[in-house]
Amino acid sequence: MVKKSFNKAAKPIKQYTSLLDKKDLEDIRNRMNEFDKQREILIKLGRDVIKLSKQIIYSAHRNELKEAEKLIIEIKRLVEEENKIVEANPKLIYSGSFKVDVQEYVEAICYFEFVKNKRIPSHRELKVGGEHYLLGLCDLTGELVRKAVNAGINADYSQVLLIKELVSEIYGELLKFDFGNGDLRKKFDGIKYELKKIEDLVLELKLRDRV
């Protein structure tokens, strides 16, 4: 018996139609590229902010306040640009570069204001976040103690006592916070050593009947 063969025609393969929303992926890609671009701009601005911060502190230590004021105009302009970028990209608020340069900015402006006006501006006045402000405030104590040492050398003992009270006050106020084990805890712990330095300096001056 002869078997019949049937030649069935092959079914045509359907052309693949993408299941992805390519426009959606393109939007994501564009947003990511723009984010990276803004981050790079922020890093560049941050380098300039750090450089200016150091120059402001240096000028303030030398009592070159007019020069420091010129630098402050420029640094505030740069920080304002940074804030605009961060407002549009909130993820960048706690990025390493921004966190560092803002605390340097806080330290520089607070030190200048202490030298010129014997005041410490608030975080609202400086238009910075609370954590960034506290980090800068912690760093400020190092520059204050440095100034106290120079004041002691120059027999400006009232300045030494004022700085001792200020550093002690900063330490006392920050004791009220619970910093956990992050950057703020490390910075805060460092204040104890700065406070001891200036307390030792005041004790030495008392033993020599200078204060």
N, C-alpha and C. Protein backbone atom coordinates (compact mmCIF):
# COMPACT_ATOMS: atom_id res chain seq x y z
N MET A 1 0.85 -1.19 0.00
CA MET A 1 0.00 0.00 0.00
C MET A 1 0.90 1.25 0.00
N VAL A 2 0.61 2.15 -0.91
CA VAL A 2 1.40 3.38 -1.05
C VAL A 2 0.84 4.47 -0.15
N LYS A 3 1.78 4.99 0.67
CA LYS A 3 1.35 6.07 1.56
C LYS A 3 1.28 7.37 0.79
N LYS A 4 0.22 8.07 1.10
CA LYS A 4 0.06 9.37 0.45
C LYS A 4 0.89 10.40 1.21
N SER A 5 1.55 11.27 0.52
CA SER A 5 2.33 12.35 1.15
C SER A 5 1.59 13.65 0.95
N PHE A 6 1.57 14.39 1.98
CA PHE A 6 0.90 15.70 1.92
C PHE A 6 1.94 16.80 2.10
N ASN A 7 2.07 17.66 1.16
CA ASN A 7 2.99 18.80 1.27
C ASN A 7 2.22 20.02 1.77
N LYS A 8 2.34 20.19 3.11
CA LYS A 8 1.67 21.34 3.68
C LYS A 8 2.53 22.58 3.51
N ALA A 9 1.95 23.66 3.12
CA ALA A 9 2.69 24.92 2.95
C ALA A 9 3.09 25.46 4.32
N ALA A 10 4.39 25.87 4.45
CA ALA A 10 4.89 26.42 5.72
C ALA A 10 4.18 27.73 6.03
N LYS A 11 3.82 27.84 7.30
CA LYS A 11 3.15 29.06 7.69
C LYS A 11 4.16 30.22 7.70
N PRO A 12 3.80 31.36 7.20
CA PRO A 12 4.73 32.50 7.19
C PRO A 12 5.03 32.97 8.62
N ILE A 13 6.32 33.26 8.87
CA ILE A 13 6.73 33.74 10.20
C ILE A 13 6.30 35.18 10.35
N LYS A 14 5.62 35.41 11.47
CA LYS A 14 5.15 36.78 11.72
C LYS A 14 6.33 37.67 12.04
N GLN A 15 6.33 38.88 11.47
CA GLN A 15 7.39 39.84 11.76
C GLN A 15 7.27 40.31 13.20
N TYR A 16 8.44 40.34 13.89
CA TYR A 16 8.43 40.70 15.31
C TYR A 16 8.08 42.17 15.48
N THR A 17 7.17 42.41 16.39
CA THR A 17 6.81 43.77 16.75
C THR A 17 7.30 44.03 18.18
N SER A 18 8.06 45.09 18.35
CA SER A 18 8.65 45.37 19.67
C SER A 18 7.58 45.47 20.74
N LEU A 19 7.89 44.85 21.86
CA LEU A 19 7.00 44.92 23.01
C LEU A 19 7.42 46.03 23.98
N LEU A 20 8.53 46.67 23.67
CA LEU A 20 9.04 47.72 24.54
C LEU A 20 8.54 49.09 24.12
N ASP A 21 8.41 49.94 25.11
CA ASP A 21 8.08 51.33 24.83
C ASP A 21 9.41 52.07 24.66
N LYS A 22 9.86 52.16 23.42
CA LYS A 22 11.18 52.74 23.16
C LYS A 22 11.25 54.22 23.49
N LYS A 23 10.13 54.90 23.35
CA LYS A 23 10.11 56.31 23.70
C LYS A 23 10.34 56.49 25.21
N ASP A 24 9.75 55.56 25.96
CA ASP A 24 9.94 55.59 27.41
C ASP A 24 11.40 55.38 27.77
N LEU A 25 12.05 54.40 27.13
CA LEU A 25 13.46 54.13 27.38
C LEU A 25 14.33 55.30 26.95
N GLU A 26 13.96 55.93 25.86
CA GLU A 26 14.71 57.10 25.40
C GLU A 26 14.61 58.23 26.42
N ASP A 27 13.43 58.41 26.99
CA ASP A 27 13.24 59.43 28.01
C ASP A 27 14.11 59.15 29.23
N ILE A 28 14.16 57.88 29.64
CA ILE A 28 14.99 57.50 30.78
C ILE A 28 16.46 57.77 30.48
N ARG A 29 16.88 57.38 29.29
CA ARG A 29 18.27 57.59 28.89
C ARG A 29 18.63 59.08 28.89
N ASN A 30 17.73 59.87 28.36
CA ASN A 30 17.98 61.32 28.31
C ASN A 30 18.07 61.92 29.71
N ARG A 31 17.19 61.44 30.60
CA ARG A 31 17.22 61.95 31.97
C ARG A 31 18.51 61.56 32.68
N MET A 32 18.95 60.32 32.45
CA MET A 32 20.19 59.85 33.07
C MET A 32 21.39 60.63 32.54
N ASN A 33 21.40 60.87 31.24
CA ASN A 33 22.49 61.64 30.63
C ASN A 33 22.51 63.07 31.18
N GLU A 34 21.33 63.65 31.33
CA GLU A 34 21.24 65.01 31.85
C GLU A 34 21.68 65.06 33.31
N PHE A 35 21.31 64.01 34.07
CA PHE A 35 21.72 63.93 35.47
C PHE A 35 23.24 63.89 35.58
N ASP A 36 23.87 63.05 34.75
CA ASP A 36 25.33 62.94 34.75
C ASP A 36 25.98 64.27 34.37
N LYS A 37 25.37 64.94 33.42
CA LYS A 37 25.89 66.24 32.99
C LYS A 37 25.82 67.25 34.13
N GLN A 38 24.70 67.28 34.82
CA GLN A 38 24.54 68.22 35.93
C GLN A 38 25.48 67.87 37.09
N ARG A 39 25.70 66.59 37.30
CA ARG A 39 26.61 66.16 38.37
C ARG A 39 28.03 66.64 38.07
N GLU A 40 28.44 66.54 36.81
CA GLU A 40 29.77 66.99 36.42
C GLU A 40 29.92 68.50 36.61
N ILE A 41 28.86 69.23 36.27
CA ILE A 41 28.89 70.68 36.47
C ILE A 41 29.02 70.99 37.96
N LEU A 42 28.27 70.22 38.78
CA LEU A 42 28.31 70.42 40.24
C LEU A 42 29.71 70.14 40.79
N ILE A 43 30.35 69.11 40.30
CA ILE A 43 31.70 68.77 40.74
C ILE A 43 32.67 69.89 40.39
N LYS A 44 32.54 70.43 39.19
CA LYS A 44 33.41 71.52 38.75
C LYS A 44 33.19 72.76 39.64
N LEU A 45 31.93 73.11 39.88
CA LEU A 45 31.63 74.25 40.75
C LEU A 45 32.18 74.01 42.16
N GLY A 46 32.06 72.77 42.61
CA GLY A 46 32.51 72.42 43.96
C GLY A 46 34.01 72.64 44.14
N ARG A 47 34.79 72.30 43.12
CA ARG A 47 36.23 72.53 43.21
C ARG A 47 36.53 74.01 43.42
N ASP A 48 35.80 74.85 42.69
CA ASP A 48 36.01 76.29 42.82
C ASP A 48 35.56 76.80 44.19
N VAL A 49 34.47 76.23 44.70
CA VAL A 49 33.97 76.62 46.02
C VAL A 49 35.00 76.28 47.10
N ILE A 50 35.56 75.09 47.04
CA ILE A 50 36.57 74.67 48.02
C ILE A 50 37.80 75.56 47.96
N LYS A 51 38.23 75.86 46.75
CA LYS A 51 39.41 76.73 46.58
C LYS A 51 39.16 78.11 47.18
N LEU A 52 37.99 78.68 46.88
CA LEU A 52 37.65 80.00 47.41
C LEU A 52 37.50 79.98 48.93
N SER A 53 36.94 78.88 49.46
CA SER A 53 36.77 78.76 50.91
C SER A 53 38.12 78.86 51.62
N LYS A 54 39.10 78.16 51.09
CA LYS A 54 40.44 78.18 51.70
C LYS A 54 41.05 79.57 51.61
N GLN A 55 40.81 80.25 50.49
CA GLN A 55 41.35 81.60 50.31
C GLN A 55 40.69 82.59 51.28
N ILE A 56 39.39 82.42 51.50
CA ILE A 56 38.66 83.30 52.43
C ILE A 56 39.21 83.13 53.85
N ILE A 57 39.40 81.89 54.28
CA ILE A 57 39.92 81.62 55.62
C ILE A 57 41.34 82.17 55.75
N TYR A 58 42.14 81.96 54.74
CA TYR A 58 43.52 82.48 54.76
C TYR A 58 43.52 84.00 54.89
N SER A 59 42.69 84.66 54.10
CA SER A 59 42.61 86.12 54.15
C SER A 59 42.11 86.60 55.51
N ALA A 60 41.12 85.90 56.06
CA ALA A 60 40.57 86.28 57.36
C ALA A 60 41.62 86.13 58.46
N HIS A 61 42.42 85.07 58.40
CA HIS A 61 43.49 84.87 59.39
C HIS A 61 44.49 86.02 59.34
N ARG A 62 44.68 86.57 58.15
CA ARG A 62 45.65 87.66 57.98
C ARG A 62 44.99 89.04 58.14
N ASN A 63 43.70 89.02 58.50
CA ASN A 63 42.93 90.27 58.65
C ASN A 63 42.84 91.07 57.35
N GLU A 64 42.93 90.37 56.23
CA GLU A 64 42.74 91.01 54.92
C GLU A 64 41.26 90.89 54.55
N LEU A 65 40.44 91.61 55.28
CA LEU A 65 38.99 91.43 55.19
C LEU A 65 38.40 91.96 53.89
N LYS A 66 39.00 93.00 53.33
CA LYS A 66 38.51 93.52 52.04
C LYS A 66 38.69 92.47 50.94
N GLU A 67 39.83 91.82 50.97
CA GLU A 67 40.09 90.75 50.00
C GLU A 67 39.11 89.60 50.22
N ALA A 68 38.88 89.25 51.48
CA ALA A 68 37.95 88.17 51.80
C ALA A 68 36.54 88.49 51.31
N GLU A 69 36.13 89.74 51.45
CA GLU A 69 34.79 90.15 51.01
C GLU A 69 34.61 89.99 49.51
N LYS A 70 35.65 90.28 48.75
CA LYS A 70 35.59 90.08 47.29
C LYS A 70 35.41 88.61 46.96
N LEU A 71 36.14 87.77 47.67
CA LEU A 71 36.05 86.33 47.45
C LEU A 71 34.67 85.80 47.85
N ILE A 72 34.09 86.37 48.89
CA ILE A 72 32.77 85.94 49.36
C ILE A 72 31.69 86.24 48.33
N ILE A 73 31.80 87.36 47.64
CA ILE A 73 30.83 87.67 46.58
C ILE A 73 30.85 86.58 45.52
N GLU A 74 32.06 86.14 45.15
CA GLU A 74 32.19 85.11 44.12
C GLU A 74 31.72 83.75 44.62
N ILE A 75 32.07 83.40 45.86
CA ILE A 75 31.69 82.07 46.35
C ILE A 75 30.18 81.95 46.52
N LYS A 76 29.54 83.03 46.93
CA LYS A 76 28.08 82.99 47.07
C LYS A 76 27.40 82.81 45.72
N ARG A 77 27.98 83.40 44.69
CA ARG A 77 27.43 83.23 43.34
C ARG A 77 27.53 81.76 42.91
N LEU A 78 28.66 81.15 43.20
CA LEU A 78 28.87 79.75 42.83
C LEU A 78 27.94 78.82 43.61
N VAL A 79 27.78 79.09 44.89
CA VAL A 79 26.90 78.26 45.73
C VAL A 79 25.46 78.40 45.28
N GLU A 80 25.08 79.58 44.85
CA GLU A 80 23.72 79.78 44.33
C GLU A 80 23.50 78.93 43.07
N GLU A 81 24.51 78.86 42.22
CA GLU A 81 24.43 78.00 41.03
C GLU A 81 24.31 76.54 41.44
N GLU A 82 25.08 76.15 42.44
CA GLU A 82 25.00 74.77 42.93
C GLU A 82 23.61 74.46 43.46
N ASN A 83 23.05 75.38 44.21
CA ASN A 83 21.72 75.15 44.79
C ASN A 83 20.66 74.96 43.72
N LYS A 84 20.77 75.68 42.63
CA LYS A 84 19.81 75.53 41.53
C LYS A 84 19.90 74.13 40.92
N ILE A 85 21.12 73.65 40.77
CA ILE A 85 21.31 72.30 40.22
C ILE A 85 20.74 71.25 41.16
N VAL A 86 21.00 71.41 42.45
CA VAL A 86 20.55 70.44 43.45
C VAL A 86 19.03 70.46 43.59
N GLU A 87 18.43 71.64 43.50
CA GLU A 87 16.98 71.74 43.57
C GLU A 87 16.32 70.97 42.42
N ALA A 88 16.95 71.00 41.27
CA ALA A 88 16.42 70.28 40.11
C ALA A 88 16.78 68.80 40.13
N ASN A 89 17.80 68.44 40.92
CA ASN A 89 18.26 67.04 41.02
C ASN A 89 18.49 66.70 42.49
N PRO A 90 17.42 66.47 43.25
CA PRO A 90 17.53 66.26 44.70
C PRO A 90 18.49 65.13 45.11
N LYS A 91 18.71 64.15 44.22
CA LYS A 91 19.62 63.06 44.56
C LYS A 91 21.04 63.55 44.83
N LEU A 92 21.36 64.72 44.30
CA LEU A 92 22.72 65.24 44.43
C LEU A 92 22.98 65.92 45.78
N ILE A 93 21.93 66.11 46.57
CA ILE A 93 22.09 66.82 47.84
C ILE A 93 23.14 66.17 48.73
N TYR A 94 23.14 64.84 48.78
CA TYR A 94 24.07 64.14 49.66
C TYR A 94 25.20 63.46 48.90
N SER A 95 25.44 63.92 47.67
CA SER A 95 26.57 63.38 46.93
C SER A 95 27.85 63.86 47.60
N GLY A 96 28.90 63.06 47.50
CA GLY A 96 30.14 63.37 48.21
C GLY A 96 30.70 64.74 47.92
N SER A 97 30.78 65.10 46.65
CA SER A 97 31.40 66.38 46.28
C SER A 97 30.61 67.56 46.82
N PHE A 98 29.30 67.54 46.68
CA PHE A 98 28.47 68.66 47.14
C PHE A 98 28.53 68.77 48.66
N LYS A 99 28.49 67.64 49.32
CA LYS A 99 28.52 67.62 50.79
C LYS A 99 29.80 68.27 51.32
N VAL A 100 30.91 67.94 50.68
CA VAL A 100 32.21 68.47 51.13
C VAL A 100 32.33 69.96 50.86
N ASP A 101 31.99 70.39 49.64
CA ASP A 101 32.24 71.80 49.33
C ASP A 101 31.28 72.73 50.08
N VAL A 102 30.06 72.26 50.40
CA VAL A 102 29.14 73.11 51.16
C VAL A 102 29.63 73.27 52.60
N GLN A 103 30.15 72.21 53.20
CA GLN A 103 30.64 72.35 54.57
C GLN A 103 31.88 73.24 54.61
N GLU A 104 32.68 73.21 53.54
CA GLU A 104 33.83 74.12 53.45
C GLU A 104 33.34 75.57 53.34
N TYR A 105 32.28 75.75 52.58
CA TYR A 105 31.68 77.08 52.42
C TYR A 105 31.17 77.61 53.76
N VAL A 106 30.46 76.75 54.49
CA VAL A 106 29.92 77.13 55.81
C VAL A 106 31.07 77.52 56.74
N GLU A 107 32.10 76.71 56.77
CA GLU A 107 33.25 76.98 57.63
C GLU A 107 33.87 78.35 57.30
N ALA A 108 34.05 78.61 56.00
CA ALA A 108 34.70 79.86 55.57
C ALA A 108 33.87 81.08 55.93
N ILE A 109 32.57 81.05 55.63
CA ILE A 109 31.72 82.21 55.89
C ILE A 109 31.56 82.44 57.40
N CYS A 110 31.40 81.37 58.15
CA CYS A 110 31.26 81.51 59.60
C CYS A 110 32.54 82.06 60.22
N TYR A 111 33.68 81.61 59.72
CA TYR A 111 34.94 82.11 60.27
C TYR A 111 35.12 83.59 59.95
N PHE A 112 34.82 83.96 58.72
CA PHE A 112 34.91 85.37 58.33
C PHE A 112 34.00 86.23 59.19
N GLU A 113 32.76 85.78 59.40
CA GLU A 113 31.81 86.56 60.19
C GLU A 113 32.25 86.67 61.64
N PHE A 114 32.90 85.63 62.14
CA PHE A 114 33.41 85.71 63.51
C PHE A 114 34.51 86.76 63.59
N VAL A 115 35.44 86.70 62.65
CA VAL A 115 36.57 87.63 62.66
C VAL A 115 36.09 89.08 62.51
N LYS A 116 35.18 89.29 61.57
CA LYS A 116 34.77 90.67 61.29
C LYS A 116 33.70 91.18 62.25
N ASN A 117 32.70 90.36 62.52
CA ASN A 117 31.51 90.84 63.25
C ASN A 117 31.24 90.13 64.56
N LYS A 118 32.08 89.17 64.93
CA LYS A 118 31.89 88.39 66.16
C LYS A 118 30.49 87.78 66.21
N ARG A 119 30.13 87.11 65.13
CA ARG A 119 28.84 86.42 65.06
C ARG A 119 29.00 85.17 64.21
N ILE A 120 28.07 84.22 64.41
CA ILE A 120 28.04 83.00 63.60
C ILE A 120 26.69 82.94 62.89
N PRO A 121 26.67 83.05 61.56
CA PRO A 121 25.40 83.03 60.83
C PRO A 121 24.70 81.67 60.92
N SER A 122 23.38 81.68 60.77
CA SER A 122 22.58 80.45 60.83
C SER A 122 22.59 79.74 59.49
N HIS A 123 22.09 78.51 59.49
CA HIS A 123 22.04 77.76 58.22
C HIS A 123 21.03 78.37 57.27
N ARG A 124 19.98 78.98 57.81
CA ARG A 124 18.99 79.63 56.95
C ARG A 124 19.61 80.84 56.25
N GLU A 125 20.41 81.57 57.00
CA GLU A 125 21.07 82.73 56.43
C GLU A 125 22.03 82.33 55.31
N LEU A 126 22.70 81.21 55.50
CA LEU A 126 23.66 80.72 54.51
C LEU A 126 22.98 79.93 53.39
N LYS A 127 21.69 79.62 53.58
CA LYS A 127 20.91 78.87 52.58
C LYS A 127 21.51 77.50 52.29
N VAL A 128 21.81 76.77 53.37
CA VAL A 128 22.34 75.42 53.25
C VAL A 128 21.53 74.48 54.12
N GLY A 129 21.63 73.19 53.85
CA GLY A 129 20.91 72.19 54.63
C GLY A 129 21.47 72.06 56.04
N GLY A 130 20.65 71.55 56.93
CA GLY A 130 21.04 71.42 58.33
C GLY A 130 22.27 70.56 58.54
N GLU A 131 22.32 69.38 57.91
CA GLU A 131 23.46 68.49 58.10
C GLU A 131 24.74 69.11 57.57
N HIS A 132 24.65 69.74 56.40
CA HIS A 132 25.83 70.38 55.82
C HIS A 132 26.33 71.51 56.73
N TYR A 133 25.39 72.23 57.31
CA TYR A 133 25.74 73.33 58.20
C TYR A 133 26.48 72.80 59.43
N LEU A 134 25.97 71.73 60.03
CA LEU A 134 26.60 71.18 61.23
C LEU A 134 28.00 70.66 60.94
N LEU A 135 28.18 70.07 59.77
CA LEU A 135 29.52 69.59 59.39
C LEU A 135 30.49 70.76 59.31
N GLY A 136 30.03 71.85 58.70
CA GLY A 136 30.87 73.04 58.60
C GLY A 136 31.16 73.66 59.95
N LEU A 137 30.16 73.64 60.83
CA LEU A 137 30.32 74.19 62.18
C LEU A 137 31.37 73.40 62.96
N CYS A 138 31.36 72.09 62.79
CA CYS A 138 32.37 71.25 63.44
C CYS A 138 33.77 71.63 62.96
N ASP A 139 33.91 71.80 61.66
CA ASP A 139 35.22 72.17 61.10
C ASP A 139 35.66 73.56 61.55
N LEU A 140 34.70 74.44 61.77
CA LEU A 140 35.00 75.80 62.19
C LEU A 140 35.83 75.84 63.47
N THR A 141 35.59 74.91 64.37
CA THR A 141 36.29 74.93 65.66
C THR A 141 37.80 74.85 65.49
N GLY A 142 38.25 74.12 64.48
CA GLY A 142 39.69 74.01 64.23
C GLY A 142 40.31 75.36 63.89
N GLU A 143 39.62 76.12 63.02
CA GLU A 143 40.12 77.45 62.64
C GLU A 143 40.05 78.42 63.82
N LEU A 144 39.02 78.29 64.65
CA LEU A 144 38.90 79.15 65.82
C LEU A 144 40.04 78.92 66.80
N VAL A 145 40.38 77.67 67.03
CA VAL A 145 41.47 77.36 67.95
C VAL A 145 42.80 77.86 67.38
N ARG A 146 42.96 77.73 66.08
CA ARG A 146 44.17 78.25 65.43
C ARG A 146 44.28 79.76 65.66
N LYS A 147 43.15 80.46 65.53
CA LYS A 147 43.15 81.90 65.77
C LYS A 147 43.45 82.21 67.24
N ALA A 148 42.93 81.38 68.14
CA ALA A 148 43.18 81.59 69.56
C ALA A 148 44.67 81.47 69.88
N VAL A 149 45.32 80.50 69.28
CA VAL A 149 46.76 80.32 69.50
C VAL A 149 47.52 81.56 69.03
N ASN A 150 47.16 82.06 67.84
CA ASN A 150 47.80 83.27 67.32
C ASN A 150 47.51 84.48 68.21
N ALA A 151 46.27 84.53 68.72
CA ALA A 151 45.90 85.63 69.62
C ALA A 151 46.73 85.58 70.90
N GLY A 152 46.96 84.37 71.40
CA GLY A 152 47.79 84.21 72.60
C GLY A 152 49.22 84.68 72.36
N ILE A 153 49.74 84.36 71.19
CA ILE A 153 51.10 84.79 70.83
C ILE A 153 51.19 86.31 70.78
N ASN A 154 50.10 86.93 70.31
CA ASN A 154 50.07 88.39 70.17
C ASN A 154 49.51 89.10 71.41
N ALA A 155 49.39 88.35 72.50
CA ALA A 155 48.93 88.90 73.79
C ALA A 155 47.51 89.46 73.73
N ASP A 156 46.70 88.93 72.81
CA ASP A 156 45.30 89.34 72.73
C ASP A 156 44.48 88.33 73.55
N TYR A 157 44.59 88.43 74.85
CA TYR A 157 44.04 87.40 75.73
C TYR A 157 42.51 87.39 75.78
N SER A 158 41.90 88.55 75.58
CA SER A 158 40.44 88.58 75.57
C SER A 158 39.88 87.78 74.39
N GLN A 159 40.62 87.81 73.28
CA GLN A 159 40.22 87.02 72.11
C GLN A 159 40.30 85.53 72.40
N VAL A 160 41.35 85.14 73.11
CA VAL A 160 41.52 83.73 73.48
C VAL A 160 40.34 83.26 74.32
N LEU A 161 39.96 84.07 75.30
CA LEU A 161 38.85 83.70 76.19
C LEU A 161 37.53 83.64 75.45
N LEU A 162 37.33 84.58 74.53
CA LEU A 162 36.09 84.59 73.74
C LEU A 162 35.98 83.33 72.89
N ILE A 163 37.09 82.97 72.24
CA ILE A 163 37.08 81.77 71.39
C ILE A 163 36.88 80.51 72.23
N LYS A 164 37.48 80.49 73.41
CA LYS A 164 37.30 79.32 74.29
C LYS A 164 35.83 79.15 74.64
N GLU A 165 35.15 80.25 74.96
CA GLU A 165 33.73 80.19 75.29
C GLU A 165 32.90 79.75 74.08
N LEU A 166 33.26 80.23 72.90
CA LEU A 166 32.51 79.88 71.70
C LEU A 166 32.66 78.40 71.35
N VAL A 167 33.89 77.91 71.38
CA VAL A 167 34.13 76.49 71.08
C VAL A 167 33.41 75.60 72.09
N SER A 168 33.45 76.02 73.36
CA SER A 168 32.75 75.27 74.40
C SER A 168 31.24 75.28 74.16
N GLU A 169 30.73 76.42 73.72
CA GLU A 169 29.29 76.54 73.44
C GLU A 169 28.89 75.66 72.25
N ILE A 170 29.71 75.66 71.20
CA ILE A 170 29.43 74.81 70.04
C ILE A 170 29.38 73.35 70.46
N TYR A 171 30.37 72.94 71.24
CA TYR A 171 30.42 71.56 71.71
C TYR A 171 29.20 71.22 72.55
N GLY A 172 28.84 72.11 73.44
CA GLY A 172 27.68 71.87 74.31
C GLY A 172 26.38 71.75 73.54
N GLU A 173 26.21 72.59 72.53
CA GLU A 173 24.98 72.55 71.73
C GLU A 173 24.92 71.27 70.88
N LEU A 174 26.06 70.87 70.34
CA LEU A 174 26.06 69.67 69.50
C LEU A 174 25.93 68.39 70.32
N LEU A 175 26.23 68.48 71.61
CA LEU A 175 26.02 67.33 72.49
C LEU A 175 24.55 66.93 72.54
N LYS A 176 23.68 67.87 72.24
CA LYS A 176 22.24 67.61 72.31
C LYS A 176 21.73 66.79 71.13
N PHE A 177 22.58 66.60 70.12
CA PHE A 177 22.19 65.82 68.94
C PHE A 177 22.58 64.36 69.10
N ASP A 178 21.86 63.49 68.40
CA ASP A 178 22.22 62.08 68.33
C ASP A 178 22.73 61.82 66.91
N PHE A 179 24.06 61.80 66.76
CA PHE A 179 24.65 61.73 65.42
C PHE A 179 24.88 60.32 64.89
N GLY A 180 24.66 59.31 65.70
CA GLY A 180 24.91 57.96 65.20
C GLY A 180 26.39 57.75 64.93
N ASN A 181 26.70 57.01 63.85
CA ASN A 181 28.09 56.69 63.56
C ASN A 181 28.56 57.22 62.21
N GLY A 182 27.91 58.26 61.69
CA GLY A 182 28.28 58.79 60.39
C GLY A 182 29.35 59.86 60.45
N ASP A 183 29.40 60.66 59.37
CA ASP A 183 30.40 61.73 59.26
C ASP A 183 30.27 62.75 60.39
N LEU A 184 29.04 63.07 60.75
CA LEU A 184 28.84 64.06 61.80
C LEU A 184 29.40 63.59 63.14
N ARG A 185 29.27 62.31 63.42
CA ARG A 185 29.82 61.78 64.67
C ARG A 185 31.34 61.95 64.69
N LYS A 186 32.00 61.64 63.57
CA LYS A 186 33.46 61.77 63.51
C LYS A 186 33.89 63.22 63.67
N LYS A 187 33.17 64.11 62.99
CA LYS A 187 33.50 65.54 63.08
C LYS A 187 33.27 66.04 64.50
N PHE A 188 32.16 65.63 65.08
CA PHE A 188 31.82 66.08 66.43
C PHE A 188 32.86 65.60 67.44
N ASP A 189 33.27 64.35 67.32
CA ASP A 189 34.27 63.82 68.24
C ASP A 189 35.57 64.62 68.18
N GLY A 190 35.87 65.17 66.98
CA GLY A 190 37.08 65.97 66.83
C GLY A 190 37.05 67.27 67.61
N ILE A 191 35.84 67.77 67.89
CA ILE A 191 35.73 69.04 68.63
C ILE A 191 36.30 68.89 70.04
N LYS A 192 36.18 67.70 70.61
CA LYS A 192 36.70 67.48 71.97
C LYS A 192 38.19 67.79 72.04
N TYR A 193 38.93 67.41 71.01
CA TYR A 193 40.36 67.65 71.00
C TYR A 193 40.68 69.13 70.82
N GLU A 194 39.87 69.79 69.98
CA GLU A 194 40.06 71.23 69.79
C GLU A 194 39.75 71.99 71.09
N LEU A 195 38.71 71.55 71.78
CA LEU A 195 38.33 72.19 73.04
C LEU A 195 39.42 72.00 74.09
N LYS A 196 39.99 70.80 74.12
CA LYS A 196 41.06 70.54 75.09
C LYS A 196 42.28 71.42 74.80
N LYS A 197 42.58 71.61 73.51
CA LYS A 197 43.72 72.47 73.15
C LYS A 197 43.56 73.87 73.71
N ILE A 198 42.37 74.42 73.51
CA ILE A 198 42.17 75.81 73.94
C ILE A 198 42.02 75.90 75.46
N GLU A 199 41.47 74.87 76.08
CA GLU A 199 41.40 74.86 77.54
C GLU A 199 42.81 74.81 78.14
N ASP A 200 43.68 74.02 77.51
CA ASP A 200 45.08 73.96 77.97
C ASP A 200 45.77 75.31 77.79
N LEU A 201 45.45 75.97 76.67
CA LEU A 201 46.04 77.29 76.42
C LEU A 201 45.59 78.29 77.48
N VAL A 202 44.30 78.30 77.80
CA VAL A 202 43.78 79.21 78.81
C VAL A 202 44.38 78.91 80.18
N LEU A 203 44.52 77.64 80.50
CA LEU A 203 45.13 77.25 81.77
C LEU A 203 46.56 77.77 81.86
N GLU A 204 47.30 77.61 80.79
CA GLU A 204 48.68 78.10 80.76
C GLU A 204 48.74 79.61 80.98
N LEU A 205 47.82 80.32 80.32
CA LEU A 205 47.78 81.77 80.47
C LEU A 205 47.41 82.16 81.91
N LYS A 206 46.52 81.41 82.52
CA LYS A 206 46.15 81.69 83.92
C LYS A 206 47.32 81.46 84.86
N LEU A 207 48.06 80.39 84.61
CA LEU A 207 49.22 80.09 85.45
C LEU A 207 50.30 81.16 85.32
N ARG A 208 50.29 81.83 84.21
CA ARG A 208 51.25 82.92 83.98
C ARG A 208 50.66 84.29 84.28
N ASP A 209 49.45 84.26 84.89
CA ASP A 209 48.76 85.51 85.28
C ASP A 209 48.51 86.44 84.09
N ARG A 210 48.18 85.82 82.97
CA ARG A 210 47.86 86.62 81.77
C ARG A 210 46.36 86.84 81.62
N VAL A 211 45.59 85.96 82.25
CA VAL A 211 44.12 86.11 82.17
C VAL A 211 43.53 85.95 83.57
